[in-house]
Protein backbone atom coordinates (compact mmCIF):
# COMPACT_ATOMS: atom_id res chain seq x y z
CA MET A 1 -27.54 193.96 110.63
CA LYS A 2 -29.91 193.44 107.63
CA ILE A 3 -27.65 190.08 106.89
CA LYS A 4 -27.57 189.65 110.64
CA GLY A 5 -31.45 189.33 111.17
CA GLY A 6 -31.47 187.23 108.05
CA TRP A 7 -29.41 184.69 108.88
CA LYS A 8 -30.95 184.44 112.63
CA ILE A 9 -34.57 184.04 110.46
CA GLY A 10 -33.30 181.58 108.40
CA TRP A 11 -31.51 179.52 111.77
CA ILE A 12 -35.05 179.79 113.42
CA VAL A 13 -36.79 178.11 109.97
CA ALA A 14 -34.14 175.68 110.32
CA ILE A 15 -34.65 174.94 113.44
CA VAL A 16 -38.48 174.61 113.55
CA ILE A 17 -37.93 172.24 109.99
CA VAL A 18 -35.72 169.83 111.90
CA CYS A 19 -38.19 169.57 114.94
CA VAL A 20 -41.05 169.48 113.07
CA PHE A 21 -39.59 166.55 111.12
CA PHE A 22 -38.34 164.01 113.74
CA THR A 23 -41.56 164.90 115.70
CA PHE A 24 -44.48 164.10 113.34
CA PRO A 25 -43.71 160.55 113.29
CA ILE A 26 -44.17 160.74 116.80
CA PHE A 27 -47.27 162.95 117.16
CA TRP A 28 -49.07 160.12 114.41
CA ILE A 29 -47.92 157.31 116.75
CA ILE A 30 -50.20 158.75 119.43
CA LEU A 31 -52.90 160.14 117.16
CA THR A 32 -52.88 156.42 115.38
CA SER A 33 -52.98 154.67 118.89
CA LEU A 34 -55.88 157.44 119.39
CA LYS A 35 -58.35 156.10 116.37
CA PRO A 36 -60.58 152.37 116.08
CA ALA A 37 -59.20 149.81 113.70
CA ARG A 38 -60.87 150.68 111.26
CA ASP A 39 -59.90 154.43 110.66
CA VAL A 40 -56.14 153.87 110.64
CA PHE A 41 -55.59 153.96 107.11
CA TYR A 42 -57.69 158.02 107.33
CA VAL A 43 -56.23 158.88 110.44
CA HIS A 44 -55.71 162.67 109.13
CA ALA A 45 -60.27 162.26 108.17
CA SER A 46 -61.00 160.18 110.56
CA LYS A 47 -63.20 162.30 114.04
CA ASP A 48 -63.46 159.59 116.09
CA PHE A 49 -61.16 159.15 119.01
CA THR A 50 -60.72 156.33 121.76
CA LEU A 51 -58.65 154.85 124.50
CA SER A 52 -59.64 150.99 124.52
CA ASN A 53 -56.39 150.44 122.32
CA PHE A 54 -54.48 151.21 125.42
CA PRO A 55 -55.91 148.22 127.70
CA GLY A 56 -55.79 146.03 124.68
CA ALA A 57 -52.33 146.43 123.99
CA LEU A 58 -51.52 146.31 127.64
CA PHE A 59 -52.63 142.77 128.48
CA ALA A 60 -52.11 142.12 124.78
CA PRO A 61 -49.68 138.21 125.64
CA GLN A 62 -46.35 139.32 128.09
CA PHE A 63 -46.57 142.37 127.18
CA ILE A 64 -46.51 143.88 131.17
CA ARG A 65 -43.70 141.41 131.85
CA ALA A 66 -42.03 142.29 128.46
CA MET A 67 -41.95 146.00 130.07
CA ILE A 68 -40.96 144.27 133.45
CA ASN A 69 -38.13 141.96 131.48
CA ALA A 70 -36.67 145.42 129.89
CA GLY A 71 -36.35 147.62 132.73
CA ILE A 72 -35.31 144.79 135.00
CA MET A 73 -32.98 144.55 132.07
CA ALA A 74 -32.08 148.14 132.00
CA THR A 75 -31.62 149.05 134.65
CA LEU A 76 -28.69 146.00 135.35
CA ALA A 77 -26.53 146.95 132.23
CA SER A 78 -26.91 150.28 132.85
CA ILE A 79 -25.50 149.66 137.20
CA CYS A 80 -22.93 146.72 135.34
CA SER A 81 -21.09 148.30 132.78
CA LEU A 82 -21.19 151.34 134.32
CA LEU A 83 -18.86 149.53 136.97
CA ILE A 84 -16.57 148.77 134.06
CA THR A 85 -16.88 151.81 131.87
CA LEU A 86 -15.14 153.94 135.23
CA GLN A 87 -12.22 151.76 135.39
CA SER A 88 -12.04 151.65 132.10
CA GLY A 89 -12.45 155.52 131.82
CA TYR A 90 -9.48 156.58 134.70
CA LEU A 91 -7.51 153.93 132.93
CA LEU A 92 -7.58 155.84 129.30
CA GLY A 93 -6.94 159.15 131.03
CA ARG A 94 -4.57 158.55 134.01
CA PHE A 95 -2.07 155.78 133.14
CA ARG A 96 0.38 155.31 130.31
CA GLY A 97 1.86 152.12 129.37
CA LEU A 98 1.63 148.71 127.22
CA PHE A 99 -2.00 147.84 128.62
CA ARG A 100 -3.24 151.24 129.16
CA ASP A 101 -2.96 151.34 124.36
CA GLY A 102 -4.40 147.88 124.15
CA TRP A 103 -6.97 148.50 126.10
CA PHE A 104 -7.58 151.64 123.82
CA GLY A 105 -7.16 149.38 120.66
CA PHE A 106 -9.20 147.22 121.78
CA ILE A 107 -11.99 149.56 122.61
CA TYR A 108 -11.61 151.69 118.94
CA ILE A 109 -11.55 148.71 117.20
CA MET A 110 -14.70 147.09 119.09
CA ARG A 111 -16.27 150.55 118.30
CA THR A 112 -15.65 150.92 114.35
CA ILE A 113 -17.13 147.16 114.05
CA PRO A 114 -21.48 147.82 113.20
CA TYR A 115 -22.35 145.58 116.67
CA ILE A 116 -25.08 143.90 114.11
CA THR A 117 -22.61 141.81 113.06
CA TRP A 118 -21.92 140.45 117.37
CA GLY A 119 -25.44 138.73 116.01
CA LEU A 120 -24.54 135.74 114.48
CA PRO A 121 -21.21 134.69 116.85
CA LEU A 122 -23.75 136.20 119.71
CA TYR A 123 -26.40 133.84 119.13
CA PHE A 124 -24.03 130.49 118.78
CA ILE A 125 -22.12 131.55 121.96
CA ASN A 126 -24.84 132.31 124.15
CA GLN A 127 -26.39 128.54 122.99
CA LYS A 128 -23.06 126.96 123.47
CA LEU A 129 -23.35 128.28 127.40
CA ARG A 130 -26.65 127.46 127.68
CA ILE A 131 -27.66 131.06 128.62
CA ASN A 132 -29.88 131.51 125.68
CA ASP A 133 -33.80 133.55 126.17
CA THR A 134 -32.12 134.17 129.77
CA TYR A 135 -30.78 137.88 131.77
CA TRP A 136 -27.36 136.64 131.14
CA GLY A 137 -27.22 135.51 127.41
CA LEU A 138 -28.79 139.47 126.78
CA LEU A 139 -26.59 141.49 129.80
CA PHE A 140 -23.28 140.73 128.29
CA PRO A 141 -23.38 141.76 125.09
CA HIS A 142 -24.97 145.32 126.20
CA MET A 143 -22.58 145.65 128.37
CA ALA A 144 -19.94 145.02 126.07
CA VAL A 145 -21.70 147.92 123.52
CA HIS A 146 -21.86 149.89 126.71
CA VAL A 147 -18.25 149.53 127.08
CA ALA A 148 -16.86 150.55 123.66
CA PHE A 149 -19.11 153.48 123.59
CA PHE A 150 -18.81 155.38 126.78
CA SER A 151 -15.57 154.72 127.73
CA LEU A 152 -13.74 157.55 125.90
CA ILE A 153 -16.34 159.93 126.66
CA MET A 154 -15.76 158.56 130.49
CA LYS A 155 -11.89 159.05 129.56
CA GLY A 156 -12.78 163.08 128.51
CA PHE A 157 -14.59 163.46 132.47
CA PHE A 158 -11.12 161.88 134.01
CA GLU A 159 -9.07 164.36 132.18
CA ASN A 160 -10.95 167.06 133.06
CA ILE A 161 -10.79 166.40 136.92
CA PRO A 162 -6.90 168.96 137.95
CA LEU A 163 -3.83 166.33 138.41
CA GLU A 164 -3.05 168.07 141.21
CA THR A 165 -5.97 167.22 143.79
CA GLU A 166 -4.84 163.43 142.74
CA GLU A 167 -1.25 164.20 143.12
CA ALA A 168 -2.06 165.78 146.80
CA ALA A 169 -4.01 163.11 147.68
CA ARG A 170 -0.81 160.42 146.78
CA LEU A 171 1.30 162.15 148.55
CA ASP A 172 -0.44 161.89 151.82
CA GLY A 173 -0.44 157.98 151.18
CA CYS A 174 -3.82 157.75 149.25
CA SER A 175 -3.62 154.84 147.15
CA ASN A 176 -4.28 154.36 143.61
CA TRP A 177 -7.54 153.00 144.35
CA GLY A 178 -8.38 155.43 147.61
CA VAL A 179 -7.55 158.38 144.51
CA PHE A 180 -10.05 156.20 142.26
CA LEU A 181 -12.62 156.41 144.72
CA LYS A 182 -12.26 159.17 146.58
CA ILE A 183 -11.18 161.70 144.62
CA ALA A 184 -11.33 160.65 141.04
CA ILE A 185 -15.14 159.98 141.37
CA PRO A 186 -16.39 162.31 143.75
CA GLN A 187 -15.57 164.75 140.69
CA VAL A 188 -17.71 163.49 137.76
CA VAL A 189 -20.80 162.35 139.72
CA PRO A 190 -22.59 164.66 136.92
CA GLY A 191 -21.01 162.27 133.99
CA ILE A 192 -21.62 159.32 135.84
CA ILE A 193 -25.69 160.46 136.10
CA ALA A 194 -25.63 161.83 132.11
CA LEU A 195 -24.11 157.88 131.36
CA SER A 196 -26.11 156.46 133.47
CA ILE A 197 -29.15 157.95 131.54
CA LEU A 198 -27.61 156.93 127.91
CA CYS A 199 -27.19 153.35 129.07
CA TRP A 200 -30.51 152.25 130.39
CA LEU A 201 -32.47 154.67 127.37
CA TRP A 202 -30.23 152.51 124.71
CA THR A 203 -30.75 149.38 126.63
CA TRP A 204 -34.69 150.18 127.24
CA ASN A 205 -35.41 150.93 122.88
CA GLU A 206 -32.34 148.41 121.66
CA PHE A 207 -34.27 145.48 119.26
CA PHE A 208 -31.50 143.50 117.76
CA PHE A 209 -30.02 141.81 120.61
CA ALA A 210 -33.51 141.23 121.54
CA LEU A 211 -34.77 139.33 118.79
CA ILE A 212 -31.70 137.45 117.81
CA LEU A 213 -31.22 136.37 122.29
CA THR A 214 -34.43 136.56 123.65
CA GLY A 215 -37.28 134.24 123.14
CA HIS A 216 -40.72 133.37 125.11
CA ARG A 217 -39.20 133.46 128.38
CA THR A 218 -37.21 136.27 128.39
CA PRO A 219 -40.12 138.51 126.04
CA MET A 220 -38.40 142.08 125.55
CA LEU A 221 -40.38 145.32 124.43
CA THR A 222 -39.55 146.02 121.87
CA VAL A 223 -39.74 142.61 120.11
CA THR A 224 -42.93 141.89 121.79
CA ILE A 225 -44.34 145.47 120.18
CA VAL A 226 -44.37 143.57 117.00
CA GLN A 227 -46.51 141.00 117.63
CA PHE A 228 -49.29 143.24 116.92
CA ALA A 229 -47.81 142.18 113.00
CA HIS A 230 -49.06 138.88 112.45
CA GLU A 231 -50.35 136.65 109.20
CA THR A 232 -53.49 138.43 109.17
CA GLY A 233 -52.53 142.17 108.69
CA ILE A 234 -51.08 144.43 111.17
CA GLU A 235 -52.73 145.84 113.85
CA TRP A 236 -52.28 149.35 114.52
CA ASN A 237 -53.82 150.86 116.21
CA LEU A 238 -52.74 148.72 118.87
CA MET A 239 -48.70 148.81 117.76
CA SER A 240 -49.25 152.55 118.05
CA ALA A 241 -50.43 152.41 121.11
CA SER A 242 -47.85 149.81 122.73
CA ALA A 243 -44.97 152.52 120.97
CA VAL A 244 -47.10 155.25 123.20
CA MET A 245 -47.24 152.97 126.19
CA ALA A 246 -42.97 152.48 125.88
CA ILE A 247 -42.15 155.51 124.53
CA ILE A 248 -43.24 157.14 128.53
CA PRO A 249 -41.15 156.00 130.50
CA ALA A 250 -37.78 157.18 128.21
CA VAL A 251 -39.72 160.64 128.13
CA LEU A 252 -40.58 160.85 131.58
CA ILE A 253 -37.04 159.90 132.33
CA CYS A 254 -35.30 162.68 130.19
CA LEU A 255 -37.59 165.40 131.22
CA PHE A 256 -36.82 164.51 134.70
CA ALA A 257 -33.05 163.77 134.30
CA GLN A 258 -32.67 166.30 130.95
CA LYS A 259 -29.85 168.67 133.53
CA TYR A 260 -28.59 166.02 134.65
CA VAL A 261 -27.42 164.71 130.72
CA THR A 262 -26.38 168.38 129.57
CA THR A 263 -24.61 169.19 132.76
CA GLY A 264 -22.65 166.22 132.76
CA LEU A 265 -21.97 166.35 129.04
CA ARG A 266 -20.18 169.97 130.04
CA VAL A 267 -17.80 168.68 132.45
């Protein structure tokens, strides 16, 4: 009994240490965002607090526009990629054949290639198609990443559906598309909600594609935050305030949708 109790205490201590390790940077950013510029290097010792950093960051050049663009892009990428991911997951989970095996191999290869290596080819492709620094030029790479990473997860959702329900629908004269839309999709709604949230958060937080493929016409939030680092120094207080404002939508979505994510990933 003592050994079991000791293991339990050890697990609790380990969990606390891990939570502190991951939450301390967020706590420090929030604390820095509430400090005057003169005290950012003495956050632990300063007793002065201010809220002026948040208006200063909010009304910085293109910040509001970047937040709107990030929200639009995250929503578009989530919707468009899910339309493909649902069909891709159903294909992988229910069908057999050369086309299915080839698609599975393509998805697997795309998952194994670090997406950071896509940057230079995507830049030249966007320049050639004249869609660089546009929504379209950023939307397609995000969709590719989402489809490659989430198709196999969606495959698992569809494989958990009893085959008997689909076979009964086919015996009643339902086509493959009818089975997919009327039988399969309604049974994986929790998984769809979970993946849509994950897609949205990934796009909202994404930095690399936004840095390479966008500019002044379609500024993105993660890149715009970097504007507070310039040749005369880094405005840590304003950068921290902008980071806090960027975190708030993601935190709110996680809080309100937590049960859907946990339920969906257990389907």
